[in-house]
């Protein structure tokens, strides 16, 4: 990696970390860090936050988790990309190297008219915990929606509680902006209608893809706060 690229990457990692830290410290965002305790590794359990009585559940034990500095390496990321046969934008690498996250759901991007860009009201990142590392991202990208990669779409998140994959459009990668890509999504029902062969063909998939953001960089403020969020 060139020195300028390395400096840019460190700046991106620090920027994402600061945004997540700001949300972790802001009481109004505390539910972002709330999950079933069986999903929270011991080293990510936030013992300083007590679960209020009104949030306690008789059937499940819930707790708060804390963002933990990522130990995911460049080798792990490039190994995953080699297995997928596709590369994530550098800005997404920065996310993977910023913090381990138990769960993360965000509202979609406003379309400026009271709705959401691409009609996507929310999206969720796969768990990136200290125990799971990249395994859930790989399962989501390769097993759940892997045929899309052949059509030039790399899945990395889930739209509207399982309604369809959110992807990087690799065919429109911008080499001038650290290889960033537009972010698009497609409804699960449309994928089912196309079938496995159709899902792997760009001409079949492209008409159904809805653009959410011009780049992952544009999505960052919605995901993690700051800027326009």
Protein backbone atom coordinates (compact mmCIF):
# COMPACT_ATOMS: atom_id res chain seq x y z
CA UNK A 1 0.00 0.00 0.00
CA UNK A 2 1.34 3.42 -0.96
CA UNK A 3 2.09 5.85 1.87
CA UNK A 4 -0.69 8.20 0.77
CA UNK A 5 -3.18 5.32 0.68
CA UNK A 6 -2.04 4.13 4.12
CA UNK A 7 -2.51 7.62 5.57
CA UNK A 8 -5.95 7.87 3.97
CA UNK A 9 -6.90 4.47 5.42
CA UNK A 10 -5.79 5.43 8.92
CA UNK A 11 -7.79 8.63 8.65
CA UNK A 12 -10.90 6.70 7.57
CA UNK A 13 -10.52 4.17 10.40
CA UNK A 14 -10.16 6.94 12.97
CA UNK A 15 -13.12 8.82 11.53
CA UNK A 16 -15.40 5.76 11.74
CA UNK A 17 -14.17 4.98 15.25
CA UNK A 18 -14.96 8.52 16.40
CA UNK A 19 -18.46 8.40 14.94
CA UNK A 20 -19.18 5.06 16.66
CA UNK A 21 -17.71 6.30 19.95
CA UNK A 22 -19.88 9.41 19.79
CA UNK A 23 -22.99 7.24 19.37
CA UNK A 24 -21.91 4.89 22.13
CA UNK A 25 -21.59 7.83 24.53
CA UNK A 26 -24.90 9.42 23.48
CA UNK A 27 -27.73 8.09 25.64
CA UNK A 28 -30.32 8.52 22.90
CA UNK A 29 -28.50 5.89 20.81
CA UNK A 30 -28.09 3.34 23.60
CA UNK A 31 -30.43 0.83 21.96
CA UNK A 32 -27.95 0.47 19.10
CA UNK A 33 -25.78 -1.36 21.62
CA UNK A 34 -28.49 -3.66 23.01
CA UNK A 35 -28.74 -7.34 22.08
CA UNK A 36 -29.40 -10.85 23.34
CA UNK A 37 -26.48 -11.73 25.60
CA UNK A 38 -25.86 -15.00 23.76
CA UNK A 39 -24.87 -12.87 20.76
CA UNK A 40 -22.37 -10.82 22.78
CA UNK A 41 -18.84 -12.23 23.27
CA UNK A 42 -17.53 -11.87 26.82
CA UNK A 43 -14.95 -9.28 25.78
CA UNK A 44 -17.68 -7.13 24.20
CA UNK A 45 -20.18 -7.22 27.07
CA UNK A 46 -20.70 -3.75 28.53
CA UNK A 47 -20.85 -4.40 32.27
CA UNK A 48 -21.12 -0.70 33.06
CA UNK A 49 -24.62 -0.46 31.61
CA UNK A 50 -27.49 -2.11 33.44
CA UNK A 51 -30.59 -3.31 31.61
CA UNK A 52 -33.59 -1.30 32.89
CA UNK A 53 -36.39 -3.34 34.39
CA UNK A 54 -38.78 -2.33 31.60
CA UNK A 55 -36.41 -3.87 29.03
CA UNK A 56 -35.91 -7.16 30.82
CA UNK A 57 -37.45 -10.16 29.10
CA UNK A 58 -38.64 -13.34 30.78
CA UNK A 59 -37.75 -15.49 27.76
CA UNK A 60 -34.40 -13.99 26.71
CA UNK A 61 -31.51 -12.44 28.57
CA UNK A 62 -30.52 -9.11 27.08
CA UNK A 63 -27.54 -6.89 27.67
CA UNK A 64 -25.49 -4.03 26.31
CA UNK A 65 -22.35 -4.43 24.28
CA UNK A 66 -19.43 -2.11 23.68
CA UNK A 67 -17.58 -1.45 20.43
CA UNK A 68 -14.19 -3.14 20.64
CA UNK A 69 -11.18 -2.10 18.50
CA UNK A 70 -11.02 -4.40 15.50
CA UNK A 71 -8.38 -7.08 15.31
CA UNK A 72 -9.37 -8.03 11.75
CA UNK A 73 -6.26 -8.02 9.59
CA UNK A 74 -5.61 -7.04 5.99
CA UNK A 75 -4.82 -10.70 5.33
CA UNK A 76 -8.24 -11.78 6.58
CA UNK A 77 -9.96 -9.23 4.36
CA UNK A 78 -7.98 -10.05 1.22
CA UNK A 79 -8.44 -13.77 1.94
CA UNK A 80 -12.20 -13.28 2.04
CA UNK A 81 -12.08 -11.26 -1.16
CA UNK A 82 -10.08 -14.01 -2.86
CA UNK A 83 -12.69 -16.57 -1.86
CA UNK A 84 -15.49 -14.32 -3.10
CA UNK A 85 -13.67 -13.38 -6.30
CA UNK A 86 -14.48 -9.72 -5.68
CA UNK A 87 -13.01 -6.80 -3.71
CA UNK A 88 -14.78 -4.46 -1.32
CA UNK A 89 -14.17 -0.70 -1.60
CA UNK A 90 -11.33 0.63 0.53
CA UNK A 91 -13.82 2.63 2.60
CA UNK A 92 -15.49 -0.63 3.63
CA UNK A 93 -12.09 -2.06 4.58
CA UNK A 94 -11.83 0.88 6.99
CA UNK A 95 -15.12 -0.11 8.59
CA UNK A 96 -13.94 -3.70 9.06
CA UNK A 97 -10.73 -2.45 10.66
CA UNK A 98 -12.36 0.14 12.92
CA UNK A 99 -14.45 -1.73 15.49
CA UNK A 100 -15.94 -5.14 16.13
CA UNK A 101 -19.74 -4.74 16.16
CA UNK A 102 -22.32 -7.12 17.61
CA UNK A 103 -25.19 -5.64 15.59
CA UNK A 104 -25.78 -2.46 13.65
CA UNK A 105 -28.99 -1.25 12.03
CA UNK A 106 -29.46 2.16 10.44
CA UNK A 107 -32.27 4.07 8.83
CA UNK A 108 -32.04 4.49 5.08
CA UNK A 109 -30.97 7.68 3.31
CA UNK A 110 -33.58 10.39 2.85
CA UNK A 111 -34.69 11.07 -0.71
CA UNK A 112 -35.50 14.67 0.22
CA UNK A 113 -39.22 14.14 -0.28
CA UNK A 114 -40.19 12.41 2.94
CA UNK A 115 -39.14 8.96 1.76
CA UNK A 116 -35.99 6.89 1.44
CA UNK A 117 -33.59 6.54 -1.48
CA UNK A 118 -34.28 3.34 -3.36
CA UNK A 119 -37.30 2.79 -1.13
CA UNK A 120 -35.01 1.23 1.51
CA UNK A 121 -36.15 2.27 4.99
CA UNK A 122 -33.37 0.51 6.91
CA UNK A 123 -30.40 -1.77 6.56
CA UNK A 124 -28.39 -4.01 8.84
CA UNK A 125 -24.74 -5.02 8.77
CA UNK A 126 -23.83 -8.66 9.41
CA UNK A 127 -22.37 -9.23 12.91
CA UNK A 128 -18.65 -8.43 13.07
CA UNK A 129 -17.87 -9.63 16.59
CA UNK A 130 -14.55 -10.68 18.07
CA UNK A 131 -15.71 -14.31 17.80
CA UNK A 132 -17.43 -14.29 14.39
CA UNK A 133 -14.98 -11.89 12.74
CA UNK A 134 -15.75 -12.01 8.98
CA UNK A 135 -17.64 -15.31 8.96
CA UNK A 136 -21.15 -13.81 8.89
CA UNK A 137 -20.15 -11.31 6.21
CA UNK A 138 -18.81 -14.20 4.14
CA UNK A 139 -21.92 -16.29 4.70
CA UNK A 140 -24.14 -13.38 3.68
CA UNK A 141 -22.06 -12.53 0.60
CA UNK A 142 -21.25 -16.05 -0.59
CA UNK A 143 -23.97 -18.39 0.62
CA UNK A 144 -27.09 -16.25 0.84
CA UNK A 145 -26.64 -14.05 -2.24
CA UNK A 146 -23.44 -15.31 -3.86
CA UNK A 147 -24.86 -15.55 -7.40
CA UNK A 148 -25.10 -11.75 -7.49
CA UNK A 149 -21.32 -11.46 -7.52
CA UNK A 150 -21.25 -12.88 -11.05
CA UNK A 151 -23.54 -10.04 -12.10
CA UNK A 152 -21.18 -7.46 -10.59
CA UNK A 153 -22.94 -6.88 -7.28
CA UNK A 154 -21.15 -7.64 -3.99
CA UNK A 155 -23.56 -8.08 -1.04
CA UNK A 156 -22.49 -6.57 2.29
CA UNK A 157 -25.67 -5.75 4.23
CA UNK A 158 -29.36 -6.63 4.49
CA UNK A 159 -32.24 -4.31 3.66
CA UNK A 160 -35.38 -3.87 5.73
CA UNK A 161 -35.10 -6.85 8.05
CA UNK A 162 -34.36 -9.47 5.42
CA UNK A 163 -36.24 -7.96 2.47
CA UNK A 164 -33.21 -8.11 0.19
CA UNK A 165 -29.42 -7.77 -0.13
CA UNK A 166 -27.62 -4.42 -0.17
CA UNK A 167 -24.64 -4.49 -2.51
CA UNK A 168 -21.72 -2.59 -3.92
CA UNK A 169 -22.11 -2.11 -7.68
CA UNK A 170 -18.64 -3.25 -8.72
CA UNK A 171 -19.15 -2.40 -12.39
CA UNK A 172 -19.37 1.29 -11.49
CA UNK A 173 -16.31 1.44 -9.26
CA UNK A 174 -14.63 4.87 -9.17
CA UNK A 175 -10.87 4.41 -9.41
CA UNK A 176 -10.36 8.08 -8.58
CA UNK A 177 -12.06 7.77 -5.16
CA UNK A 178 -10.27 4.83 -3.53
CA UNK A 179 -12.29 2.36 -5.62
CA UNK A 180 -15.59 3.31 -3.98
CA UNK A 181 -18.85 2.04 -5.52
CA UNK A 182 -22.51 3.03 -5.67
CA UNK A 183 -24.66 1.19 -3.12
CA UNK A 184 -27.75 -0.58 -4.45
CA UNK A 185 -30.31 -3.11 -3.26
CA UNK A 186 -32.81 -5.56 -4.65
CA UNK A 187 -35.97 -7.05 -3.17
CA UNK A 188 -35.82 -10.71 -2.18
CA UNK A 189 -38.99 -11.48 -4.15
CA UNK A 190 -37.40 -10.18 -7.36
CA UNK A 191 -34.37 -12.42 -6.77
CA UNK A 192 -36.61 -15.45 -6.30
CA UNK A 193 -38.51 -14.66 -9.50
CA UNK A 194 -35.26 -14.45 -11.51
CA UNK A 195 -33.96 -17.80 -10.25
CA UNK A 196 -30.28 -18.72 -9.71
CA UNK A 197 -29.30 -18.35 -13.37
CA UNK A 198 -30.99 -14.98 -13.80
CA UNK A 199 -29.48 -13.63 -10.58
CA UNK A 200 -26.00 -14.24 -11.99
CA UNK A 201 -26.69 -12.26 -15.17
CA UNK A 202 -26.30 -8.51 -14.98
CA UNK A 203 -28.76 -7.75 -17.75
CA UNK A 204 -31.40 -9.64 -15.77
CA UNK A 205 -30.58 -8.15 -12.38
CA UNK A 206 -29.78 -4.54 -13.26
CA UNK A 207 -33.40 -3.43 -13.99
CA UNK A 208 -34.41 -4.53 -10.47
CA UNK A 209 -31.57 -2.83 -8.60
CA UNK A 210 -32.45 0.33 -6.68
CA UNK A 211 -29.71 2.82 -5.85
CA UNK A 212 -29.40 3.83 -2.20
CA UNK A 213 -26.23 5.93 -2.29
CA UNK A 214 -23.67 7.16 -4.80
CA UNK A 215 -20.87 5.64 -2.70
CA UNK A 216 -20.14 4.02 0.64
CA UNK A 217 -18.57 7.32 1.71
CA UNK A 218 -21.97 8.98 1.23
CA UNK A 219 -23.56 6.28 3.37
CA UNK A 220 -21.14 6.72 6.27
CA UNK A 221 -22.96 9.60 7.99
CA UNK A 222 -26.25 7.71 7.88
CA UNK A 223 -24.65 4.55 9.26
CA UNK A 224 -22.54 6.08 12.00
CA UNK A 225 -23.64 9.68 12.52
CA UNK A 226 -21.86 12.95 12.03
CA UNK A 227 -21.93 15.21 8.96
CA UNK A 228 -25.52 15.35 7.76
CA UNK A 229 -26.89 12.71 10.16
